[in-house]
Each structure stands twice: as structure tokens, then as C-alpha cells.
Amino acid sequence: MYAIIQTGGKQYKVTQDEVIFVEKLGAEANDTVSFDVVAVGTDDGIKVGTPLLDGAKVTGEVLKNGKGKKIRVATYKPKKGEKRVKGHRQPYTQVKITSIEA
């Protein structure tokens, strides 16, 4: 059984006991979170919501919050002597999916 969940403006295909990295959530480590379910796939077929599936629920446990690997962004304008380098680390939340209820 798998589910398509929606969080942080993105959709993720998840199964039970899977660990995923999502956009940062407002939850601390060891908290329980629930996600909006877009679709659920079973052996019988797939159920799709419009836009969300009623009665379906996916819960997970927050393992940790952190920041991703640093990327460097450079801007440059020729003949103007203007250049700039910035760094960015995207915050994330690591979640373990504990249950999928359809």
C-alpha cells in the first residue's frame, strides 16, 4: 500500500516505515504530524481524491529538523564591476511515515 501526500507545495509517494525529507514543518523532534492525502494505492487499485481523499490519513513522526547542503549563487554584470556571491541552505524536516489509513 502506498499514498500520495501533499506538503510544502509538493507531492510525495510514501509507504509505511519510509523516511522522507520534506520542506520544514513547524514541529519538533519526536512530534507526530499528519498529512493531506491526494491518492491511495492498494492491491485493489487506486483511489484518487478531488482534490483530497476523504477519510484517508497518513501520520508520521518527526525525526529531526536541519539544513541541507550549501549552494552558492553568483550574479555578475559585465562591464559594470558588479558581482556578488551568496550562499543558501534550505531548511528541511526528516519524517518517518508510521501509518497509512485508507
N, C-alpha and C. Protein backbone atom coordinates (compact mmCIF):
# COMPACT_ATOMS: atom_id res chain seq x y z
N MET A 1 0.84 -1.17 0.00
CA MET A 1 0.00 0.00 0.00
C MET A 1 0.89 1.24 0.00
N TYR A 2 0.50 2.22 -0.79
CA TYR A 2 1.23 3.47 -0.83
C TYR A 2 0.24 4.62 -0.84
N ALA A 3 0.73 5.82 -0.56
CA ALA A 3 -0.12 7.01 -0.57
C ALA A 3 0.65 8.15 -1.21
N ILE A 4 -0.09 9.06 -1.82
CA ILE A 4 0.48 10.30 -2.35
C ILE A 4 0.05 11.39 -1.37
N ILE A 5 1.02 12.02 -0.70
CA ILE A 5 0.71 13.06 0.26
C ILE A 5 1.14 14.41 -0.29
N GLN A 6 0.56 15.46 0.30
CA GLN A 6 0.86 16.82 -0.14
C GLN A 6 1.32 17.62 1.06
N THR A 7 2.50 18.22 0.95
CA THR A 7 3.02 19.10 1.99
C THR A 7 4.08 20.03 1.40
N GLY A 8 4.08 21.25 1.85
CA GLY A 8 5.09 22.21 1.40
C GLY A 8 5.00 22.53 -0.08
N GLY A 9 3.81 22.43 -0.68
CA GLY A 9 3.65 22.72 -2.10
C GLY A 9 4.15 21.62 -3.02
N LYS A 10 4.47 20.47 -2.45
CA LYS A 10 4.97 19.34 -3.25
C LYS A 10 4.17 18.10 -2.90
N GLN A 11 4.26 17.09 -3.75
CA GLN A 11 3.61 15.81 -3.51
C GLN A 11 4.67 14.72 -3.43
N TYR A 12 4.47 13.77 -2.51
CA TYR A 12 5.42 12.70 -2.27
C TYR A 12 4.69 11.36 -2.29
N LYS A 13 5.28 10.36 -2.91
CA LYS A 13 4.77 8.99 -2.86
C LYS A 13 5.45 8.30 -1.68
N VAL A 14 4.65 7.83 -0.71
CA VAL A 14 5.22 7.26 0.50
C VAL A 14 4.62 5.89 0.79
N THR A 15 5.39 5.07 1.49
CA THR A 15 4.93 3.79 2.00
C THR A 15 5.19 3.78 3.51
N GLN A 16 4.65 2.79 4.18
CA GLN A 16 4.82 2.72 5.62
C GLN A 16 6.27 2.45 5.97
N ASP A 17 6.74 3.05 7.07
CA ASP A 17 8.11 2.95 7.59
C ASP A 17 9.16 3.59 6.67
N GLU A 18 8.74 4.41 5.73
CA GLU A 18 9.68 5.12 4.86
C GLU A 18 10.11 6.43 5.52
N VAL A 19 11.36 6.83 5.30
CA VAL A 19 11.88 8.10 5.83
C VAL A 19 11.99 9.07 4.66
N ILE A 20 11.37 10.25 4.81
CA ILE A 20 11.38 11.25 3.74
C ILE A 20 11.87 12.59 4.29
N PHE A 21 12.38 13.42 3.39
CA PHE A 21 12.78 14.78 3.72
C PHE A 21 11.78 15.71 3.06
N VAL A 22 11.09 16.55 3.86
CA VAL A 22 10.08 17.48 3.34
C VAL A 22 10.49 18.90 3.71
N GLU A 23 9.80 19.88 3.12
CA GLU A 23 10.03 21.27 3.49
C GLU A 23 9.78 21.43 4.99
N LYS A 24 10.45 22.37 5.61
CA LYS A 24 10.42 22.50 7.07
C LYS A 24 9.00 22.65 7.59
N LEU A 25 8.68 21.84 8.60
CA LEU A 25 7.39 21.89 9.28
C LEU A 25 7.57 22.56 10.64
N GLY A 26 6.49 23.08 11.18
CA GLY A 26 6.55 23.71 12.50
C GLY A 26 6.39 22.69 13.61
N ALA A 27 7.23 21.66 13.62
CA ALA A 27 7.15 20.60 14.63
C ALA A 27 8.55 20.27 15.12
N GLU A 28 8.63 19.87 16.36
CA GLU A 28 9.91 19.50 16.95
C GLU A 28 10.16 18.00 16.78
N ALA A 29 11.35 17.55 17.12
CA ALA A 29 11.68 16.13 17.04
C ALA A 29 10.76 15.32 17.95
N ASN A 30 10.40 14.11 17.52
CA ASN A 30 9.52 13.17 18.21
C ASN A 30 8.06 13.61 18.24
N ASP A 31 7.69 14.67 17.53
CA ASP A 31 6.28 15.05 17.40
C ASP A 31 5.62 14.19 16.33
N THR A 32 4.29 14.09 16.41
CA THR A 32 3.51 13.36 15.40
C THR A 32 2.85 14.38 14.49
N VAL A 33 2.94 14.15 13.18
CA VAL A 33 2.33 15.04 12.20
C VAL A 33 1.42 14.23 11.29
N SER A 34 0.40 14.88 10.72
CA SER A 34 -0.46 14.21 9.75
C SER A 34 -0.42 15.02 8.45
N PHE A 35 -0.64 14.33 7.34
CA PHE A 35 -0.52 14.94 6.02
C PHE A 35 -1.82 14.82 5.25
N ASP A 36 -2.03 15.75 4.30
CA ASP A 36 -3.16 15.68 3.39
C ASP A 36 -2.90 14.58 2.37
N VAL A 37 -3.91 13.74 2.13
CA VAL A 37 -3.76 12.60 1.22
C VAL A 37 -4.44 12.92 -0.10
N VAL A 38 -3.70 12.82 -1.20
CA VAL A 38 -4.22 13.07 -2.53
C VAL A 38 -4.74 11.78 -3.15
N ALA A 39 -4.01 10.67 -2.96
CA ALA A 39 -4.41 9.38 -3.54
C ALA A 39 -3.83 8.25 -2.70
N VAL A 40 -4.50 7.09 -2.77
CA VAL A 40 -4.04 5.89 -2.08
C VAL A 40 -4.06 4.74 -3.06
N GLY A 41 -2.96 3.98 -3.12
CA GLY A 41 -2.88 2.82 -3.99
C GLY A 41 -2.83 1.54 -3.17
N THR A 42 -3.70 0.58 -3.50
CA THR A 42 -3.73 -0.71 -2.83
C THR A 42 -3.66 -1.81 -3.88
N ASP A 43 -3.79 -3.07 -3.44
CA ASP A 43 -3.81 -4.18 -4.38
C ASP A 43 -5.06 -4.14 -5.26
N ASP A 44 -6.14 -3.54 -4.74
CA ASP A 44 -7.40 -3.46 -5.49
C ASP A 44 -7.38 -2.39 -6.57
N GLY A 45 -6.52 -1.40 -6.44
CA GLY A 45 -6.46 -0.32 -7.41
C GLY A 45 -6.06 0.97 -6.71
N ILE A 46 -6.40 2.09 -7.32
CA ILE A 46 -6.04 3.39 -6.78
C ILE A 46 -7.30 4.21 -6.54
N LYS A 47 -7.32 4.92 -5.40
CA LYS A 47 -8.40 5.84 -5.08
C LYS A 47 -7.82 7.25 -5.14
N VAL A 48 -8.46 8.12 -5.91
CA VAL A 48 -7.96 9.48 -6.10
C VAL A 48 -9.00 10.46 -5.57
N GLY A 49 -8.56 11.46 -4.82
CA GLY A 49 -9.45 12.47 -4.29
C GLY A 49 -9.59 13.65 -5.24
N THR A 50 -10.58 14.49 -4.95
CA THR A 50 -10.81 15.68 -5.78
C THR A 50 -10.93 16.91 -4.90
N PRO A 51 -9.93 17.60 -4.49
CA PRO A 51 -8.51 17.32 -4.69
C PRO A 51 -7.94 16.40 -3.62
N LEU A 52 -8.58 16.32 -2.42
CA LEU A 52 -8.05 15.46 -1.36
C LEU A 52 -8.99 14.29 -1.13
N LEU A 53 -8.45 13.21 -0.64
CA LEU A 53 -9.21 11.99 -0.39
C LEU A 53 -9.82 12.04 1.00
N ASP A 54 -11.17 11.94 1.07
CA ASP A 54 -11.86 11.98 2.35
C ASP A 54 -11.69 10.66 3.08
N GLY A 55 -11.47 10.73 4.39
CA GLY A 55 -11.35 9.53 5.21
C GLY A 55 -9.98 8.89 5.21
N ALA A 56 -9.07 9.36 4.40
CA ALA A 56 -7.72 8.79 4.37
C ALA A 56 -6.80 9.65 5.24
N LYS A 57 -5.86 8.99 5.89
CA LYS A 57 -4.98 9.71 6.80
C LYS A 57 -3.59 9.08 6.79
N VAL A 58 -2.58 9.91 6.71
CA VAL A 58 -1.18 9.46 6.80
C VAL A 58 -0.55 10.20 7.97
N THR A 59 0.03 9.45 8.89
CA THR A 59 0.70 10.06 10.03
C THR A 59 2.18 9.71 10.00
N GLY A 60 2.97 10.59 10.57
CA GLY A 60 4.41 10.37 10.61
C GLY A 60 5.00 10.94 11.88
N GLU A 61 6.22 10.53 12.16
CA GLU A 61 6.95 11.01 13.34
C GLU A 61 8.14 11.82 12.86
N VAL A 62 8.28 13.03 13.42
CA VAL A 62 9.40 13.89 13.06
C VAL A 62 10.67 13.35 13.69
N LEU A 63 11.67 13.06 12.87
CA LEU A 63 12.95 12.57 13.38
C LEU A 63 13.87 13.73 13.73
N LYS A 64 13.99 14.72 12.81
CA LYS A 64 14.83 15.88 13.10
C LYS A 64 14.54 17.00 12.13
N ASN A 65 14.94 18.20 12.52
CA ASN A 65 14.93 19.37 11.65
C ASN A 65 16.37 19.71 11.35
N GLY A 66 16.64 20.20 10.15
CA GLY A 66 18.01 20.53 9.80
C GLY A 66 18.08 21.42 8.59
N LYS A 67 19.28 21.59 8.09
CA LYS A 67 19.51 22.38 6.88
C LYS A 67 20.24 21.52 5.86
N GLY A 68 19.90 21.72 4.59
CA GLY A 68 20.51 20.96 3.51
C GLY A 68 21.91 21.44 3.20
N LYS A 69 22.51 20.84 2.19
CA LYS A 69 23.85 21.19 1.76
C LYS A 69 23.85 22.62 1.20
N LYS A 70 24.94 23.33 1.41
CA LYS A 70 25.04 24.71 0.97
C LYS A 70 25.21 24.80 -0.54
N ILE A 71 24.44 25.71 -1.15
CA ILE A 71 24.64 26.01 -2.56
C ILE A 71 25.11 27.46 -2.67
N ARG A 72 25.88 27.75 -3.69
CA ARG A 72 26.38 29.09 -3.91
C ARG A 72 25.71 29.67 -5.14
N VAL A 73 25.20 30.90 -5.00
CA VAL A 73 24.51 31.59 -6.08
C VAL A 73 25.33 32.82 -6.42
N ALA A 74 25.74 32.96 -7.68
CA ALA A 74 26.58 34.09 -8.10
C ALA A 74 25.84 34.92 -9.14
N THR A 75 25.92 36.24 -8.99
CA THR A 75 25.40 37.15 -10.01
C THR A 75 26.55 37.99 -10.53
N TYR A 76 26.45 38.35 -11.79
CA TYR A 76 27.54 39.06 -12.44
C TYR A 76 26.97 39.93 -13.55
N LYS A 77 27.42 41.20 -13.60
CA LYS A 77 27.03 42.09 -14.68
C LYS A 77 28.31 42.54 -15.39
N PRO A 78 28.43 42.18 -16.65
CA PRO A 78 29.68 42.53 -17.35
C PRO A 78 29.83 44.04 -17.53
N LYS A 79 31.06 44.49 -17.54
CA LYS A 79 31.46 45.88 -17.77
C LYS A 79 30.97 46.85 -16.70
N LYS A 80 30.41 46.36 -15.62
CA LYS A 80 29.92 47.23 -14.55
C LYS A 80 30.71 47.04 -13.26
N GLY A 81 31.54 46.03 -13.20
CA GLY A 81 32.31 45.77 -11.99
C GLY A 81 31.42 45.28 -10.85
N GLU A 82 30.30 44.69 -11.20
CA GLU A 82 29.35 44.25 -10.18
C GLU A 82 29.29 42.73 -10.17
N LYS A 83 29.64 42.16 -9.04
CA LYS A 83 29.48 40.71 -8.87
C LYS A 83 29.21 40.43 -7.40
N ARG A 84 28.47 39.37 -7.17
CA ARG A 84 28.06 39.04 -5.81
C ARG A 84 27.89 37.53 -5.70
N VAL A 85 28.31 36.97 -4.59
CA VAL A 85 28.15 35.54 -4.33
C VAL A 85 27.40 35.40 -3.01
N LYS A 86 26.32 34.63 -3.06
CA LYS A 86 25.54 34.36 -1.85
C LYS A 86 25.47 32.86 -1.63
N GLY A 87 25.30 32.47 -0.40
CA GLY A 87 25.13 31.07 -0.07
C GLY A 87 23.71 30.83 0.45
N HIS A 88 23.21 29.60 0.29
CA HIS A 88 21.87 29.27 0.77
C HIS A 88 21.85 27.82 1.25
N ARG A 89 21.21 27.60 2.40
CA ARG A 89 20.98 26.25 2.92
C ARG A 89 19.49 26.12 3.18
N GLN A 90 18.84 25.21 2.46
CA GLN A 90 17.40 25.03 2.57
C GLN A 90 17.05 24.23 3.82
N PRO A 91 16.17 24.77 4.69
CA PRO A 91 15.77 24.00 5.87
C PRO A 91 14.83 22.85 5.49
N TYR A 92 14.94 21.75 6.23
CA TYR A 92 14.11 20.58 5.95
C TYR A 92 13.67 19.92 7.26
N THR A 93 12.70 19.02 7.15
CA THR A 93 12.27 18.19 8.27
C THR A 93 12.34 16.75 7.81
N GLN A 94 12.96 15.90 8.60
CA GLN A 94 13.04 14.47 8.28
C GLN A 94 11.91 13.76 9.02
N VAL A 95 11.06 13.03 8.26
CA VAL A 95 9.86 12.41 8.81
C VAL A 95 9.86 10.92 8.49
N LYS A 96 9.49 10.10 9.47
CA LYS A 96 9.29 8.67 9.24
C LYS A 96 7.78 8.41 9.21
N ILE A 97 7.30 7.82 8.13
CA ILE A 97 5.87 7.53 7.98
C ILE A 97 5.52 6.34 8.87
N THR A 98 4.59 6.53 9.80
CA THR A 98 4.24 5.47 10.75
C THR A 98 2.99 4.71 10.35
N SER A 99 2.00 5.39 9.74
CA SER A 99 0.78 4.65 9.36
C SER A 99 0.10 5.30 8.18
N ILE A 100 -0.54 4.44 7.38
CA ILE A 100 -1.36 4.88 6.26
C ILE A 100 -2.73 4.23 6.43
N GLU A 101 -3.76 5.07 6.57
CA GLU A 101 -5.13 4.59 6.73
C GLU A 101 -5.94 5.06 5.54
N ALA A 102 -6.58 4.10 4.85
CA ALA A 102 -7.35 4.46 3.66
C ALA A 102 -8.83 4.35 3.91
